[in-house]
Amino acid sequence: MIEVLYFSDRSVKRKLFERVGTASGPLMVTAVRHGPHMRLPERRAPFLELERSFGEVVDQLLVADEGKVEGMWRDPMGDLADALFPKDRRRAYAAAGGYLFLERGVVRAVVPKHGLPHEDAYFLQLALSRLCPEVPEPDPSERPGRRKRWAEDAPRREAPPPKGVRQDGRDAWALLGIRRGASMPEAKRAFRALVAQYHPDKVAHLAAEFRELAERRTRQILEAWERVQSELEQP
């Protein structure tokens, strides 16, 4: 079973803690980004594949950040990680940003995110196979990062980032919640709806630190839109 909680829900932290505390079997918890033009979290990889292959063994709880003003000061995954590792900031940080396997409120494994869905799927199955005997280990030859023997001595070249992706790996399309292949009018509507959420008039009643957070978020959105717009305008 895949369940989704949203940052914009005022009760998201309570629901998250309750769900984690009452899970009788293996439960995988992770945070995801979500936007109006993105596929539903439960329909994305690697979650859909994990549900199809091992849904009878493990439940999934996805905590989705929609980038809305209502949830921008909430960090339910960070709160959960701090509660699980109150004296270990390093482990708490890793848990908040990765895939967290729990059972009856006890941490069984923390799997870092590797970037691409198929890479994450490999390591999720590997972790699950160590927790549940009925789950087979993934094929070692399919382990992400393995290179062909003939290429082991070849000089490595840094590939340029894909279009719309900065050198730091941040994808402008994903940040805006716009699907690749969207038309210019569709992209503009999504951009305007997103940036309007952080308009000064809408956050004027918030504390100073939240207004500063909204300003930083607005700058990120504008920078991302410049990259997406330039790509859309290319012939």
Protein backbone atom coordinates (compact mmCIF):
# COMPACT_ATOMS: atom_id res chain seq x y z
CA MET A 1 0.00 0.00 0.00
CA ILE A 2 1.19 3.50 -0.83
CA GLU A 3 -0.05 6.39 1.29
CA VAL A 4 0.69 10.07 0.63
CA LEU A 5 0.77 12.90 3.17
CA TYR A 6 1.12 16.53 2.12
CA PHE A 7 3.09 19.36 3.71
CA SER A 8 0.09 21.69 3.28
CA ASP A 9 -1.96 19.53 5.66
CA ARG A 10 -1.84 21.14 9.11
CA SER A 11 -1.94 17.69 10.68
CA VAL A 12 0.83 16.22 8.53
CA LYS A 13 3.31 15.84 11.42
CA ARG A 14 0.76 14.17 13.69
CA LYS A 15 -0.37 11.81 10.93
CA LEU A 16 3.23 10.95 10.06
CA PHE A 17 4.17 10.13 13.65
CA GLU A 18 0.99 8.11 14.17
CA ARG A 19 1.51 6.11 11.00
CA VAL A 20 5.13 5.36 11.87
CA GLY A 21 4.27 4.38 15.42
CA THR A 22 1.49 1.98 14.43
CA ALA A 23 3.21 0.24 11.51
CA SER A 24 3.23 -3.47 12.40
CA GLY A 25 5.22 -4.48 9.32
CA PRO A 26 8.04 -2.89 7.31
CA LEU A 27 7.23 0.69 6.34
CA MET A 28 9.29 2.78 3.92
CA VAL A 29 9.04 6.56 4.47
CA THR A 30 10.52 9.30 2.31
CA ALA A 31 9.94 12.91 1.28
CA VAL A 32 9.15 13.82 -2.34
CA ARG A 33 8.59 16.99 -4.35
CA HIS A 34 5.19 17.52 -5.92
CA GLY A 35 3.71 20.14 -8.21
CA PRO A 36 0.44 20.71 -10.08
CA HIS A 37 1.85 19.38 -13.35
CA MET A 38 3.77 16.45 -11.90
CA ARG A 39 2.60 12.86 -11.85
CA LEU A 40 1.02 11.81 -8.56
CA PRO A 41 3.73 10.62 -6.13
CA GLU A 42 2.25 7.14 -5.87
CA ARG A 43 2.39 6.77 -9.69
CA ARG A 44 6.11 7.54 -9.97
CA ALA A 45 9.21 5.40 -9.97
CA PRO A 46 10.58 3.80 -7.91
CA PHE A 47 7.47 3.72 -5.71
CA LEU A 48 5.11 2.18 -8.25
CA GLU A 49 7.59 -0.57 -9.13
CA LEU A 50 8.24 -1.29 -5.45
CA GLU A 51 4.51 -1.58 -4.82
CA ARG A 52 3.98 -3.91 -7.79
CA SER A 53 6.85 -6.20 -6.85
CA PHE A 54 6.83 -6.15 -3.06
CA GLY A 55 3.60 -4.44 -2.02
CA GLU A 56 2.59 -7.46 0.04
CA VAL A 57 5.78 -7.16 2.05
CA VAL A 58 6.29 -3.42 2.62
CA ASP A 59 4.03 -0.38 2.84
CA GLN A 60 5.14 3.03 1.59
CA LEU A 61 4.47 6.45 3.09
CA LEU A 62 5.36 9.41 0.87
CA VAL A 63 5.51 12.88 2.43
CA ALA A 64 4.97 15.33 -0.43
CA ASP A 65 6.16 18.94 -0.42
CA GLU A 66 3.97 20.87 -2.89
CA GLY A 67 5.95 24.10 -2.41
CA LYS A 68 2.88 25.92 -1.12
CA VAL A 69 2.91 28.76 1.37
CA GLU A 70 0.71 26.68 3.69
CA GLY A 71 3.46 24.13 4.14
CA MET A 72 6.69 26.00 3.48
CA TRP A 73 7.62 26.27 7.18
CA ARG A 74 6.81 22.64 7.89
CA ASP A 75 9.44 19.91 7.84
CA PRO A 76 7.69 16.72 8.95
CA MET A 77 10.48 14.43 7.76
CA GLY A 78 13.05 16.54 9.58
CA ASP A 79 10.93 16.41 12.73
CA LEU A 80 10.63 12.63 12.45
CA ALA A 81 14.37 12.20 11.89
CA ASP A 82 15.18 14.41 14.89
CA ALA A 83 12.82 12.35 17.06
CA LEU A 84 14.39 9.08 15.90
CA PHE A 85 18.00 10.28 16.27
CA PRO A 86 17.90 13.00 18.96
CA LYS A 87 21.61 12.71 19.75
CA ASP A 88 23.01 12.07 16.27
CA ARG A 89 22.64 14.98 13.87
CA ARG A 90 24.49 13.19 11.08
CA ARG A 91 22.13 10.20 11.11
CA ALA A 92 19.11 12.46 11.50
CA TYR A 93 20.14 14.43 8.41
CA ALA A 94 20.66 11.23 6.42
CA ALA A 95 17.27 9.88 7.51
CA ALA A 96 15.43 13.10 6.61
CA GLY A 97 16.88 13.14 3.10
CA GLY A 98 16.80 9.44 2.29
CA TYR A 99 14.54 6.41 2.38
CA LEU A 100 13.71 5.35 5.92
CA PHE A 101 12.69 1.76 6.70
CA LEU A 102 10.87 1.32 10.02
CA GLU A 103 8.93 -1.31 11.88
CA ARG A 104 6.86 -0.56 15.00
CA GLY A 105 8.54 2.83 15.22
CA VAL A 106 12.05 1.38 15.18
CA VAL A 107 14.51 2.26 12.43
CA ARG A 108 15.61 -0.83 10.51
CA ALA A 109 17.55 0.81 7.67
CA VAL A 110 18.33 4.17 6.05
CA VAL A 111 18.95 4.15 2.30
CA PRO A 112 20.48 7.28 0.71
CA LYS A 113 18.90 8.67 -2.44
CA HIS A 114 21.10 8.10 -5.48
CA GLY A 115 19.29 10.36 -7.94
CA LEU A 116 17.75 8.25 -10.69
CA PRO A 117 14.68 6.12 -9.92
CA HIS A 118 16.19 2.88 -11.27
CA GLU A 119 19.27 3.42 -9.11
CA ASP A 120 17.16 3.99 -6.02
CA ALA A 121 15.04 0.93 -6.88
CA TYR A 122 18.14 -1.29 -6.79
CA PHE A 123 19.24 -0.14 -3.35
CA LEU A 124 15.70 -0.22 -1.97
CA GLN A 125 15.34 -3.85 -3.00
CA LEU A 126 18.76 -4.60 -1.55
CA ALA A 127 17.79 -3.11 1.82
CA LEU A 128 14.43 -4.84 1.75
CA SER A 129 16.03 -8.20 0.99
CA ARG A 130 18.05 -7.89 4.18
CA LEU A 131 14.94 -7.13 6.20
CA CYS A 132 12.55 -9.64 4.65
CA PRO A 133 13.74 -13.15 3.67
CA GLU A 134 11.01 -13.44 1.01
CA VAL A 135 12.48 -10.55 -0.98
CA PRO A 136 15.32 -11.66 -3.29
CA GLU A 137 18.51 -9.66 -3.58
CA PRO A 138 18.80 -7.67 -6.81
CA ASP A 139 21.15 -8.92 -9.50
CA PRO A 140 24.66 -7.68 -8.54
CA SER A 141 25.48 -7.16 -12.21
CA GLU A 142 22.74 -4.51 -12.31
CA ARG A 143 24.21 -2.51 -9.44
CA PRO A 144 24.31 1.18 -10.44
CA GLY A 145 27.75 2.61 -10.95
CA ARG A 146 29.36 -0.56 -12.31
CA ARG A 147 31.39 0.01 -15.47
CA LYS A 148 32.26 -2.40 -18.22
CA ARG A 149 35.63 -4.11 -17.79
CA TRP A 150 36.89 -2.68 -21.08
CA ALA A 151 36.17 0.83 -19.86
CA GLU A 152 37.77 0.56 -16.43
CA ASP A 153 41.05 2.11 -17.59
CA ALA A 154 39.51 4.70 -19.87
CA PRO A 155 39.86 8.33 -18.74
CA ARG A 156 36.70 9.66 -17.15
CA ARG A 157 35.17 12.78 -18.64
CA GLU A 158 32.72 14.97 -16.88
CA ALA A 159 29.55 15.03 -18.93
CA PRO A 160 27.80 18.40 -19.17
CA PRO A 161 24.55 18.63 -17.22
CA PRO A 162 21.33 18.06 -19.21
CA LYS A 163 19.39 21.07 -20.41
CA GLY A 164 17.61 22.81 -17.59
CA VAL A 165 19.95 21.33 -14.96
CA ARG A 166 22.50 23.49 -13.18
CA GLN A 167 26.02 22.41 -12.36
CA ASP A 168 24.89 21.71 -8.81
CA GLY A 169 22.41 19.14 -10.15
CA ARG A 170 19.23 21.08 -9.47
CA ASP A 171 16.63 20.52 -12.17
CA ALA A 172 14.76 23.72 -13.02
CA TRP A 173 11.81 21.79 -14.44
CA ALA A 174 11.39 19.73 -11.27
CA LEU A 175 11.80 22.78 -9.06
CA LEU A 176 8.89 24.47 -10.86
CA GLY A 177 6.84 21.28 -10.99
CA ILE A 178 6.58 21.49 -14.78
CA ARG A 179 6.75 18.33 -16.84
CA ARG A 180 9.30 18.25 -19.62
CA GLY A 181 7.57 18.63 -22.97
CA ALA A 182 4.99 21.09 -21.66
CA SER A 183 3.97 23.91 -24.00
CA MET A 184 4.96 27.51 -23.31
CA PRO A 185 1.40 28.54 -22.25
CA GLU A 186 1.13 25.54 -19.95
CA ALA A 187 4.54 26.26 -18.43
CA LYS A 188 3.70 29.93 -17.93
CA ARG A 189 0.49 29.07 -16.09
CA ALA A 190 2.36 26.72 -13.78
CA PHE A 191 5.12 29.27 -13.15
CA ARG A 192 2.70 32.12 -12.42
CA ALA A 193 0.62 29.98 -10.07
CA LEU A 194 3.74 28.88 -8.17
CA VAL A 195 5.40 32.28 -7.83
CA ALA A 196 2.08 33.89 -6.81
CA GLN A 197 2.07 31.71 -3.69
CA TYR A 198 5.10 33.61 -2.40
CA HIS A 199 3.89 37.14 -3.19
CA PRO A 200 4.81 39.57 -0.36
CA ASP A 201 1.13 40.29 0.29
CA LYS A 202 0.50 36.60 1.00
CA VAL A 203 3.33 36.21 3.51
CA ALA A 204 3.20 39.65 5.13
CA HIS A 205 1.45 38.22 8.20
CA LEU A 206 4.15 35.61 8.80
CA ALA A 207 7.19 35.91 11.04
CA ALA A 208 10.32 37.54 9.62
CA GLU A 209 12.18 34.26 9.11
CA PHE A 210 9.30 32.90 7.01
CA ARG A 211 9.17 36.05 4.89
CA GLU A 212 12.90 35.66 4.25
CA LEU A 213 12.31 32.03 3.31
CA ALA A 214 9.61 33.15 0.86
CA GLU A 215 12.01 35.66 -0.70
CA ARG A 216 14.68 33.00 -1.18
CA ARG A 217 12.11 30.64 -2.63
CA THR A 218 10.94 33.35 -5.04
CA ARG A 219 14.51 33.93 -6.25
CA GLN A 220 14.93 30.20 -6.84
CA ILE A 221 11.67 30.09 -8.81
CA LEU A 222 12.65 33.08 -10.95
CA GLU A 223 16.10 31.65 -11.71
CA ALA A 224 14.57 28.29 -12.60
CA TRP A 225 12.00 29.96 -14.86
CA GLU A 226 14.74 31.78 -16.78
CA ARG A 227 16.37 28.43 -17.59
CA VAL A 228 13.10 26.72 -18.50
CA GLN A 229 11.91 29.68 -20.58
CA SER A 230 15.18 29.85 -22.53
CA GLU A 231 14.91 26.14 -23.29
CA LEU A 232 11.29 26.45 -24.42
CA GLU A 233 12.15 29.37 -26.69
CA GLN A 234 14.86 27.44 -28.51
CA PRO A 235 13.75 26.30 -31.99
